[in-house]
Amino acid sequence: MTFTPADHLGAVQRQLTTITREGQELRLLTVTRTYDASPDEVWSALTTAERIERWMMPVTGDLEVGGRFQLEGNAGGEVLGCVPPERLALTWEYGGQVSWVDLSLRPTPDGTLLQLDHSAPVPPEMWEQFGPGAVGIGWELGLMGLAEHLAAPDAERPPRETMPDLTDYMVASSAEWGQVDIDAGADPDTARAAARRTAEAYTAAPEE
């Protein structure tokens, strides 16, 4: 691992708002991170199937506007918009639910700022149980993988069994998302309880 988990945790900025899309209320989760790479390099890592497999997971399909993609064992969707190397818009379809992901890139003096916006309809009972960390931790882990890949673009994705223990990272990330939820107006006790449940879900030992 090129960076420490603490490096990754501190590199992410988190935000939560509520928006309306086509008359439907959505939770909008925003994650931003700056990478020491040019926008063209980050864009290539985000949109080239061979590179996506190295930092995220295998992807199949047509990565063009109007095309559909499928991440192995995870979400699929449709490419809604593509403006290289500035913006990528997708539907995010998983478990029978549809949400929307928008990625934008902006050059900075330190490299490239990536902003990821994920807007989704969330049943109130699900939100109260797990809060924003249920989605936020997953995206943070993805952005972590991207950072490691950009630091060593030719390296293959390491086997799962060789990955470092990220338990403490996921617990800390969940707590950060709990605080974001509080800052957005949630009841502190409810938000912290949801963050604990989310951390437990992410760090539970896999079933045999």
Protein backbone atom coordinates (compact mmCIF):
# COMPACT_ATOMS: atom_id res chain seq x y z
CA MET A 1 0.00 0.00 0.00
CA THR A 2 1.57 3.29 -1.13
CA PHE A 3 -0.28 5.48 1.37
CA THR A 4 -1.28 4.80 4.97
CA PRO A 5 -4.99 4.44 5.83
CA ALA A 6 -4.70 7.69 7.80
CA ASP A 7 -3.44 9.46 4.64
CA HIS A 8 -6.52 8.27 2.78
CA LEU A 9 -8.92 9.22 5.57
CA GLY A 10 -7.60 12.77 5.76
CA ALA A 11 -7.51 13.22 1.98
CA VAL A 12 -11.31 13.02 1.58
CA GLN A 13 -13.82 15.83 2.02
CA ARG A 14 -17.42 14.81 2.73
CA GLN A 15 -20.74 16.61 2.34
CA LEU A 16 -24.44 15.76 2.52
CA THR A 17 -27.45 17.64 1.19
CA THR A 18 -31.03 16.93 0.07
CA ILE A 19 -32.18 17.70 -3.48
CA THR A 20 -35.22 17.12 -5.68
CA ARG A 21 -35.05 15.34 -9.02
CA GLU A 22 -38.16 14.92 -11.16
CA GLY A 23 -40.30 15.64 -8.11
CA GLN A 24 -38.52 13.02 -5.99
CA GLU A 25 -36.54 13.87 -2.86
CA LEU A 26 -33.00 12.50 -2.97
CA ARG A 27 -30.07 12.37 -0.60
CA LEU A 28 -27.03 13.87 -2.30
CA LEU A 29 -23.73 12.59 -0.97
CA THR A 30 -20.57 14.38 -2.16
CA VAL A 31 -17.01 13.10 -1.83
CA THR A 32 -14.01 15.10 -3.07
CA ARG A 33 -10.32 14.24 -3.23
CA THR A 34 -7.27 15.77 -4.92
CA TYR A 35 -4.91 13.49 -6.86
CA ASP A 36 -1.29 14.14 -7.79
CA ALA A 37 -2.00 13.53 -11.48
CA SER A 38 -3.25 15.47 -14.49
CA PRO A 39 -6.96 15.52 -15.39
CA ASP A 40 -6.19 13.45 -18.50
CA GLU A 41 -4.47 10.78 -16.39
CA VAL A 42 -7.29 10.64 -13.83
CA TRP A 43 -9.86 10.56 -16.62
CA SER A 44 -8.09 7.63 -18.26
CA ALA A 45 -8.09 5.71 -14.99
CA LEU A 46 -11.82 6.38 -14.55
CA THR A 47 -12.93 5.46 -18.06
CA THR A 48 -10.61 2.74 -19.40
CA ALA A 49 -11.88 -0.76 -18.67
CA GLU A 50 -8.39 -2.26 -18.34
CA ARG A 51 -7.47 0.39 -15.75
CA ILE A 52 -10.77 0.27 -13.84
CA GLU A 53 -10.12 -3.42 -13.18
CA ARG A 54 -6.78 -2.56 -11.53
CA TRP A 55 -8.21 -0.21 -8.90
CA MET A 56 -11.87 -1.16 -8.58
CA MET A 57 -13.19 -4.35 -10.20
CA PRO A 58 -13.70 -5.81 -13.68
CA VAL A 59 -16.19 -3.92 -15.84
CA THR A 60 -17.91 -4.93 -19.05
CA GLY A 61 -20.17 -3.14 -21.50
CA ASP A 62 -20.08 -0.03 -23.63
CA LEU A 63 -18.42 2.89 -21.85
CA GLU A 64 -19.90 5.47 -24.25
CA VAL A 65 -22.88 7.81 -23.92
CA GLY A 66 -26.04 5.72 -24.16
CA GLY A 67 -24.13 2.53 -23.49
CA ARG A 68 -24.58 0.26 -20.52
CA PHE A 69 -21.90 -1.07 -18.17
CA GLN A 70 -21.72 -3.73 -15.49
CA LEU A 71 -19.24 -3.94 -12.63
CA GLU A 72 -18.54 -7.56 -11.73
CA GLY A 73 -20.64 -8.52 -8.70
CA ASN A 74 -21.73 -4.94 -8.15
CA ALA A 75 -23.71 -2.14 -9.80
CA GLY A 76 -24.44 -1.55 -13.47
CA GLY A 77 -26.04 1.33 -15.28
CA GLU A 78 -26.15 3.64 -18.27
CA VAL A 79 -23.66 6.30 -19.33
CA LEU A 80 -25.73 9.50 -19.43
CA GLY A 81 -23.07 12.09 -20.18
CA CYS A 82 -19.38 12.28 -21.01
CA VAL A 83 -17.23 15.40 -21.47
CA PRO A 84 -13.55 14.34 -21.43
CA PRO A 85 -11.69 15.06 -19.21
CA GLU A 86 -14.20 17.03 -17.18
CA ARG A 87 -17.45 15.20 -16.44
CA LEU A 88 -18.97 11.73 -16.43
CA ALA A 89 -22.62 11.06 -15.57
CA LEU A 90 -24.07 7.60 -14.91
CA THR A 91 -27.08 5.83 -13.56
CA TRP A 92 -26.15 3.52 -10.69
CA GLU A 93 -28.40 0.46 -10.62
CA TYR A 94 -28.12 -2.10 -7.85
CA GLY A 95 -30.55 -4.34 -6.01
CA GLY A 96 -33.48 -3.12 -8.08
CA GLN A 97 -32.85 0.55 -7.18
CA VAL A 98 -31.71 3.36 -9.49
CA SER A 99 -29.61 6.31 -8.38
CA TRP A 100 -27.29 8.75 -10.14
CA VAL A 101 -23.53 9.32 -10.03
CA ASP A 102 -21.81 12.41 -11.41
CA LEU A 103 -18.01 12.66 -11.54
CA SER A 104 -16.28 15.95 -12.29
CA LEU A 105 -12.58 16.76 -12.62
CA ARG A 106 -10.91 20.13 -12.19
CA PRO A 107 -7.20 20.98 -12.46
CA THR A 108 -5.62 22.46 -9.35
CA PRO A 109 -2.08 23.57 -8.45
CA ASP A 110 -1.68 20.20 -6.68
CA GLY A 111 -3.03 18.02 -9.49
CA THR A 112 -6.69 17.19 -10.10
CA LEU A 113 -9.70 17.63 -7.87
CA LEU A 114 -12.21 14.81 -8.31
CA GLN A 115 -15.75 15.42 -7.07
CA LEU A 116 -18.16 12.50 -6.86
CA ASP A 117 -21.86 13.23 -6.37
CA HIS A 118 -24.18 10.31 -5.67
CA SER A 119 -27.89 11.16 -5.44
CA ALA A 120 -30.32 8.46 -4.37
CA PRO A 121 -33.84 7.99 -3.03
CA VAL A 122 -33.48 6.38 0.40
CA PRO A 123 -36.39 5.00 2.46
CA PRO A 124 -36.52 6.83 5.81
CA GLU A 125 -36.23 3.60 7.80
CA MET A 126 -33.09 2.60 5.88
CA TRP A 127 -31.55 6.04 6.37
CA GLU A 128 -32.27 5.98 10.10
CA GLN A 129 -30.71 2.53 10.37
CA PHE A 130 -27.46 3.19 8.48
CA GLY A 131 -27.19 6.87 7.46
CA PRO A 132 -24.86 8.18 4.72
CA GLY A 133 -21.92 5.97 5.66
CA ALA A 134 -23.55 2.97 4.03
CA VAL A 135 -22.72 4.54 0.66
CA GLY A 136 -19.97 6.92 1.70
CA ILE A 137 -17.54 4.28 3.00
CA GLY A 138 -17.81 2.32 -0.24
CA TRP A 139 -16.98 5.36 -2.34
CA GLU A 140 -14.09 6.26 -0.08
CA LEU A 141 -12.64 2.79 -0.52
CA GLY A 142 -13.01 3.22 -4.28
CA LEU A 143 -11.20 6.56 -4.22
CA MET A 144 -8.51 4.93 -2.09
CA GLY A 145 -8.02 2.29 -4.76
CA LEU A 146 -7.83 5.01 -7.41
CA ALA A 147 -5.12 6.84 -5.46
CA GLU A 148 -3.07 3.65 -5.12
CA HIS A 149 -3.48 2.96 -8.85
CA LEU A 150 -2.46 6.47 -9.91
CA ALA A 151 0.67 6.13 -7.79
CA ALA A 152 1.57 2.86 -9.57
CA PRO A 153 -0.45 2.68 -12.82
CA ASP A 154 1.11 -0.53 -14.13
CA ALA A 155 0.58 -2.55 -10.96
CA GLU A 156 -2.13 -5.18 -10.96
CA ARG A 157 -4.83 -5.07 -8.32
CA PRO A 158 -3.44 -6.98 -5.31
CA PRO A 159 -5.28 -10.13 -4.19
CA ARG A 160 -7.80 -9.57 -1.41
CA GLU A 161 -5.83 -11.72 1.01
CA THR A 162 -2.79 -9.44 0.72
CA MET A 163 -4.71 -6.23 1.43
CA PRO A 164 -3.99 -4.50 4.74
CA ASP A 165 -6.55 -4.60 7.53
CA LEU A 166 -8.80 -1.57 6.98
CA THR A 167 -11.07 -2.14 9.96
CA ASP A 168 -9.91 0.98 11.80
CA TYR A 169 -10.22 3.00 8.59
CA MET A 170 -13.82 1.93 8.00
CA VAL A 171 -14.79 2.59 11.63
CA ALA A 172 -13.25 6.07 11.43
CA SER A 173 -14.83 6.77 8.04
CA SER A 174 -18.24 5.75 9.38
CA ALA A 175 -17.82 8.11 12.33
CA GLU A 176 -16.91 10.92 9.93
CA TRP A 177 -20.09 10.28 7.94
CA GLY A 178 -22.08 10.28 11.16
CA GLN A 179 -20.75 13.76 11.89
CA VAL A 180 -21.60 14.88 8.35
CA ASP A 181 -25.15 13.66 8.96
CA ILE A 182 -25.29 15.65 12.21
CA ASP A 183 -23.97 18.75 10.45
CA ALA A 184 -26.76 18.32 7.88
CA GLY A 185 -29.38 18.43 10.65
CA ALA A 186 -29.75 14.85 11.88
CA ASP A 187 -30.35 14.06 15.53
CA PRO A 188 -26.86 13.41 16.98
CA ASP A 189 -27.78 10.25 18.89
CA THR A 190 -29.60 8.78 15.89
CA ALA A 191 -26.74 9.64 13.52
CA ARG A 192 -24.06 8.18 15.79
CA ALA A 193 -26.05 4.98 16.32
CA ALA A 194 -26.47 4.61 12.54
CA ALA A 195 -22.72 5.17 12.08
CA ARG A 196 -21.96 2.40 14.58
CA ARG A 197 -24.31 -0.01 12.79
CA THR A 198 -22.74 0.83 9.44
CA ALA A 199 -19.23 0.30 10.79
CA GLU A 200 -20.30 -3.08 12.19
CA ALA A 201 -21.78 -4.06 8.83
CA TYR A 202 -18.59 -3.16 6.94
CA THR A 203 -16.21 -4.80 9.39
CA ALA A 204 -18.14 -7.99 10.16
CA ALA A 205 -16.26 -11.19 9.36
CA PRO A 206 -17.46 -12.71 6.05
CA GLU A 207 -19.62 -15.80 6.31
CA GLU A 208 -17.98 -19.08 5.37
